[in-house]
Structures are given as structure tokens and as C-alpha cells.
């Protein structure tokens, strides 16, 4: 039940970032929305999985992708723009 509540919270955060992306069209918010949606997917998969173990490689790969998206968003936001 707690995993479902965490997944719901992550989806809500993802929807907020999507709303900000729609108003600004800044990819930073899109990357963060995708990252939080992937984290929610991980929680949902953990909730419905028969084995209640987080050490399966699938969960690590999804989280690695989510954190990679955050790093890409931060890098793209802070890189120097050439005029």
C-alpha cells in the first residue's frame, strides 16, 4: 500500500512538471517529468511483482535511466550558449 502511495505522489509530481513544460516549452521540465514517471513505474512494478525484492537488474536500469534524464536536464540547462 505504501508503494502505491509513493507511486501516486511521483505521478502527481510528474504531472506538475508536464504542466510547466506545456507553458514554457523548456525541455528541462520534460526531462524531469519523464524521470518522475519512470520512478513511478518502478514503484508500480515493485508493487505488482511476486518477488518483493528491489535487487533485480530491471529496477536498477529503470532508475539509472531516470537519474540519467535528470543529469541530462541539468547539463543542458547549464551549458554555455553560443551567440
C-alpha atoms as a PDB file:
ATOM      1  CA  UNK A   1       0.000   0.000   0.000  1.00  0.00           C
ATOM      2  CA  UNK A   2       2.832   2.369   0.792  1.00  0.00           C
ATOM      3  CA  UNK A   3       4.417   1.666  -2.600  1.00  0.00           C
ATOM      4  CA  UNK A   4       1.145   2.691  -4.271  1.00  0.00           C
ATOM      5  CA  UNK A   5       1.039   5.951  -2.318  1.00  0.00           C
ATOM      6  CA  UNK A   6       4.620   6.728  -3.313  1.00  0.00           C
ATOM      7  CA  UNK A   7       3.818   5.937  -6.956  1.00  0.00           C
ATOM      8  CA  UNK A   8       0.794   8.237  -6.835  1.00  0.00           C
ATOM      9  CA  UNK A   9       2.905  11.048  -5.413  1.00  0.00           C
ATOM     10  CA  UNK A  10       5.515  10.570  -8.122  1.00  0.00           C
ATOM     11  CA  UNK A  11       2.846  10.680 -10.821  1.00  0.00           C
ATOM     12  CA  UNK A  12       1.452  13.907  -9.359  1.00  0.00           C
ATOM     13  CA  UNK A  13       4.921  15.481  -9.394  1.00  0.00           C
ATOM     14  CA  UNK A  14       5.381  14.279 -12.977  1.00  0.00           C
ATOM     15  CA  UNK A  15       2.096  15.908 -13.984  1.00  0.00           C
ATOM     16  CA  UNK A  16       3.179  19.207 -12.399  1.00  0.00           C
ATOM     17  CA  UNK A  17       6.384  19.154 -14.428  1.00  0.00           C
ATOM     18  CA  UNK A  18       4.378  18.387 -17.559  1.00  0.00           C
ATOM     19  CA  UNK A  19       2.180  21.389 -16.864  1.00  0.00           C
ATOM     20  CA  UNK A  20       5.236  23.618 -16.503  1.00  0.00           C
ATOM     21  CA  UNK A  21       6.656  22.179 -19.721  1.00  0.00           C
ATOM     22  CA  UNK A  22       3.433  22.955 -21.597  1.00  0.00           C
ATOM     23  CA  UNK A  23       3.540  26.580 -20.505  1.00  0.00           C
ATOM     24  CA  UNK A  24       7.278  27.174 -21.069  1.00  0.00           C
ATOM     25  CA  UNK A  25       8.279  24.519 -23.645  1.00  0.00           C
ATOM     26  CA  UNK A  26      11.546  24.156 -21.712  1.00  0.00           C
ATOM     27  CA  UNK A  27      12.927  20.620 -22.107  1.00  0.00           C
ATOM     28  CA  UNK A  28      14.230  20.777 -18.544  1.00  0.00           C
ATOM     29  CA  UNK A  29      10.695  20.236 -17.248  1.00  0.00           C
ATOM     30  CA  UNK A  30      10.016  17.498 -19.795  1.00  0.00           C
ATOM     31  CA  UNK A  31      13.083  15.549 -18.673  1.00  0.00           C
ATOM     32  CA  UNK A  32      12.074  15.872 -15.039  1.00  0.00           C
ATOM     33  CA  UNK A  33       8.507  14.765 -15.827  1.00  0.00           C
ATOM     34  CA  UNK A  34       9.822  11.696 -17.636  1.00  0.00           C
ATOM     35  CA  UNK A  35      12.202  10.938 -14.777  1.00  0.00           C
ATOM     36  CA  UNK A  36       9.484  11.033 -12.141  1.00  0.00           C
ATOM     37  CA  UNK A  37       7.186   8.961 -14.365  1.00  0.00           C
ATOM     38  CA  UNK A  38       9.921   6.313 -14.641  1.00  0.00           C
ATOM     39  CA  UNK A  39      10.334   6.314 -10.865  1.00  0.00           C
ATOM     40  CA  UNK A  40       6.565   5.805 -10.537  1.00  0.00           C
ATOM     41  CA  UNK A  41       6.794   2.922 -12.993  1.00  0.00           C
ATOM     42  CA  UNK A  42       9.447   1.325 -10.807  1.00  0.00           C
ATOM     43  CA  UNK A  43       7.182   1.590  -7.757  1.00  0.00           C
ATOM     44  CA  UNK A  44       4.220   0.141  -9.636  1.00  0.00           C
ATOM     45  CA  UNK A  45       6.313  -2.762 -10.902  1.00  0.00           C
ATOM     46  CA  UNK A  46       7.573  -3.412  -7.382  1.00  0.00           C
ATOM     47  CA  UNK A  47       4.006  -3.353  -6.092  1.00  0.00           C
ATOM     48  CA  UNK A  48       2.677  -5.914  -8.544  1.00  0.00           C
ATOM     49  CA  UNK A  49       5.763  -8.156  -8.671  1.00  0.00           C
ATOM     50  CA  UNK A  50       5.541 -11.524  -6.994  1.00  0.00           C
ATOM     51  CA  UNK A  51       9.056 -11.177  -5.570  1.00  0.00           C
ATOM     52  CA  UNK A  52       9.312  -8.207  -3.229  1.00  0.00           C
ATOM     53  CA  UNK A  53      12.993  -7.648  -3.922  1.00  0.00           C
ATOM     54  CA  UNK A  54      14.480  -4.480  -5.347  1.00  0.00           C
ATOM     55  CA  UNK A  55      17.738  -6.114  -6.415  1.00  0.00           C
ATOM     56  CA  UNK A  56      16.536  -7.205  -9.847  1.00  0.00           C
ATOM     57  CA  UNK A  57      18.511  -5.567 -12.683  1.00  0.00           C
ATOM     58  CA  UNK A  58      15.330  -4.231 -14.303  1.00  0.00           C
ATOM     59  CA  UNK A  59      14.641  -1.877 -11.394  1.00  0.00           C
ATOM     60  CA  UNK A  60      18.220  -0.617 -11.398  1.00  0.00           C
ATOM     61  CA  UNK A  61      18.153   0.021 -15.137  1.00  0.00           C
ATOM     62  CA  UNK A  62      14.911   1.995 -14.918  1.00  0.00           C
ATOM     63  CA  UNK A  63      16.302   4.073 -12.058  1.00  0.00           C
ATOM     64  CA  UNK A  64      19.573   4.590 -13.923  1.00  0.00           C
ATOM     65  CA  UNK A  65      17.615   5.918 -16.890  1.00  0.00           C
ATOM     66  CA  UNK A  66      15.561   8.211 -14.630  1.00  0.00           C
ATOM     67  CA  UNK A  67      18.642   9.655 -12.928  1.00  0.00           C
ATOM     68  CA  UNK A  68      20.363   9.953 -16.292  1.00  0.00           C
ATOM     69  CA  UNK A  69      17.482  12.089 -17.540  1.00  0.00           C
ATOM     70  CA  UNK A  70      17.894  14.392 -14.544  1.00  0.00           C
ATOM     71  CA  UNK A  71      21.616  14.733 -15.234  1.00  0.00           C
ATOM     72  CA  UNK A  72      20.954  15.480 -18.913  1.00  0.00           C
ATOM     73  CA  UNK A  73      18.374  18.107 -17.961  1.00  0.00           C
ATOM     74  CA  UNK A  74      20.782  19.819 -15.582  1.00  0.00           C
ATOM     75  CA  UNK A  75      23.621  19.680 -18.109  1.00  0.00           C
ATOM     76  CA  UNK A  76      21.505  21.141 -20.921  1.00  0.00           C
ATOM     77  CA  UNK A  77      20.199  23.901 -18.673  1.00  0.00           C
ATOM     78  CA  UNK A  78      23.665  24.947 -17.510  1.00  0.00           C
ATOM     79  CA  UNK A  79      25.756  24.553 -20.645  1.00  0.00           C
ATOM     80  CA  UNK A  80      27.012  27.708 -22.258  1.00  0.00           C
ATOM     81  CA  UNK A  81      25.000  29.086 -25.136  1.00  0.00           C
ATOM     82  CA  UNK A  82      26.891  30.391 -28.138  1.00  0.00           C
ATOM     83  CA  UNK A  83      25.519  33.594 -29.608  1.00  0.00           C
END
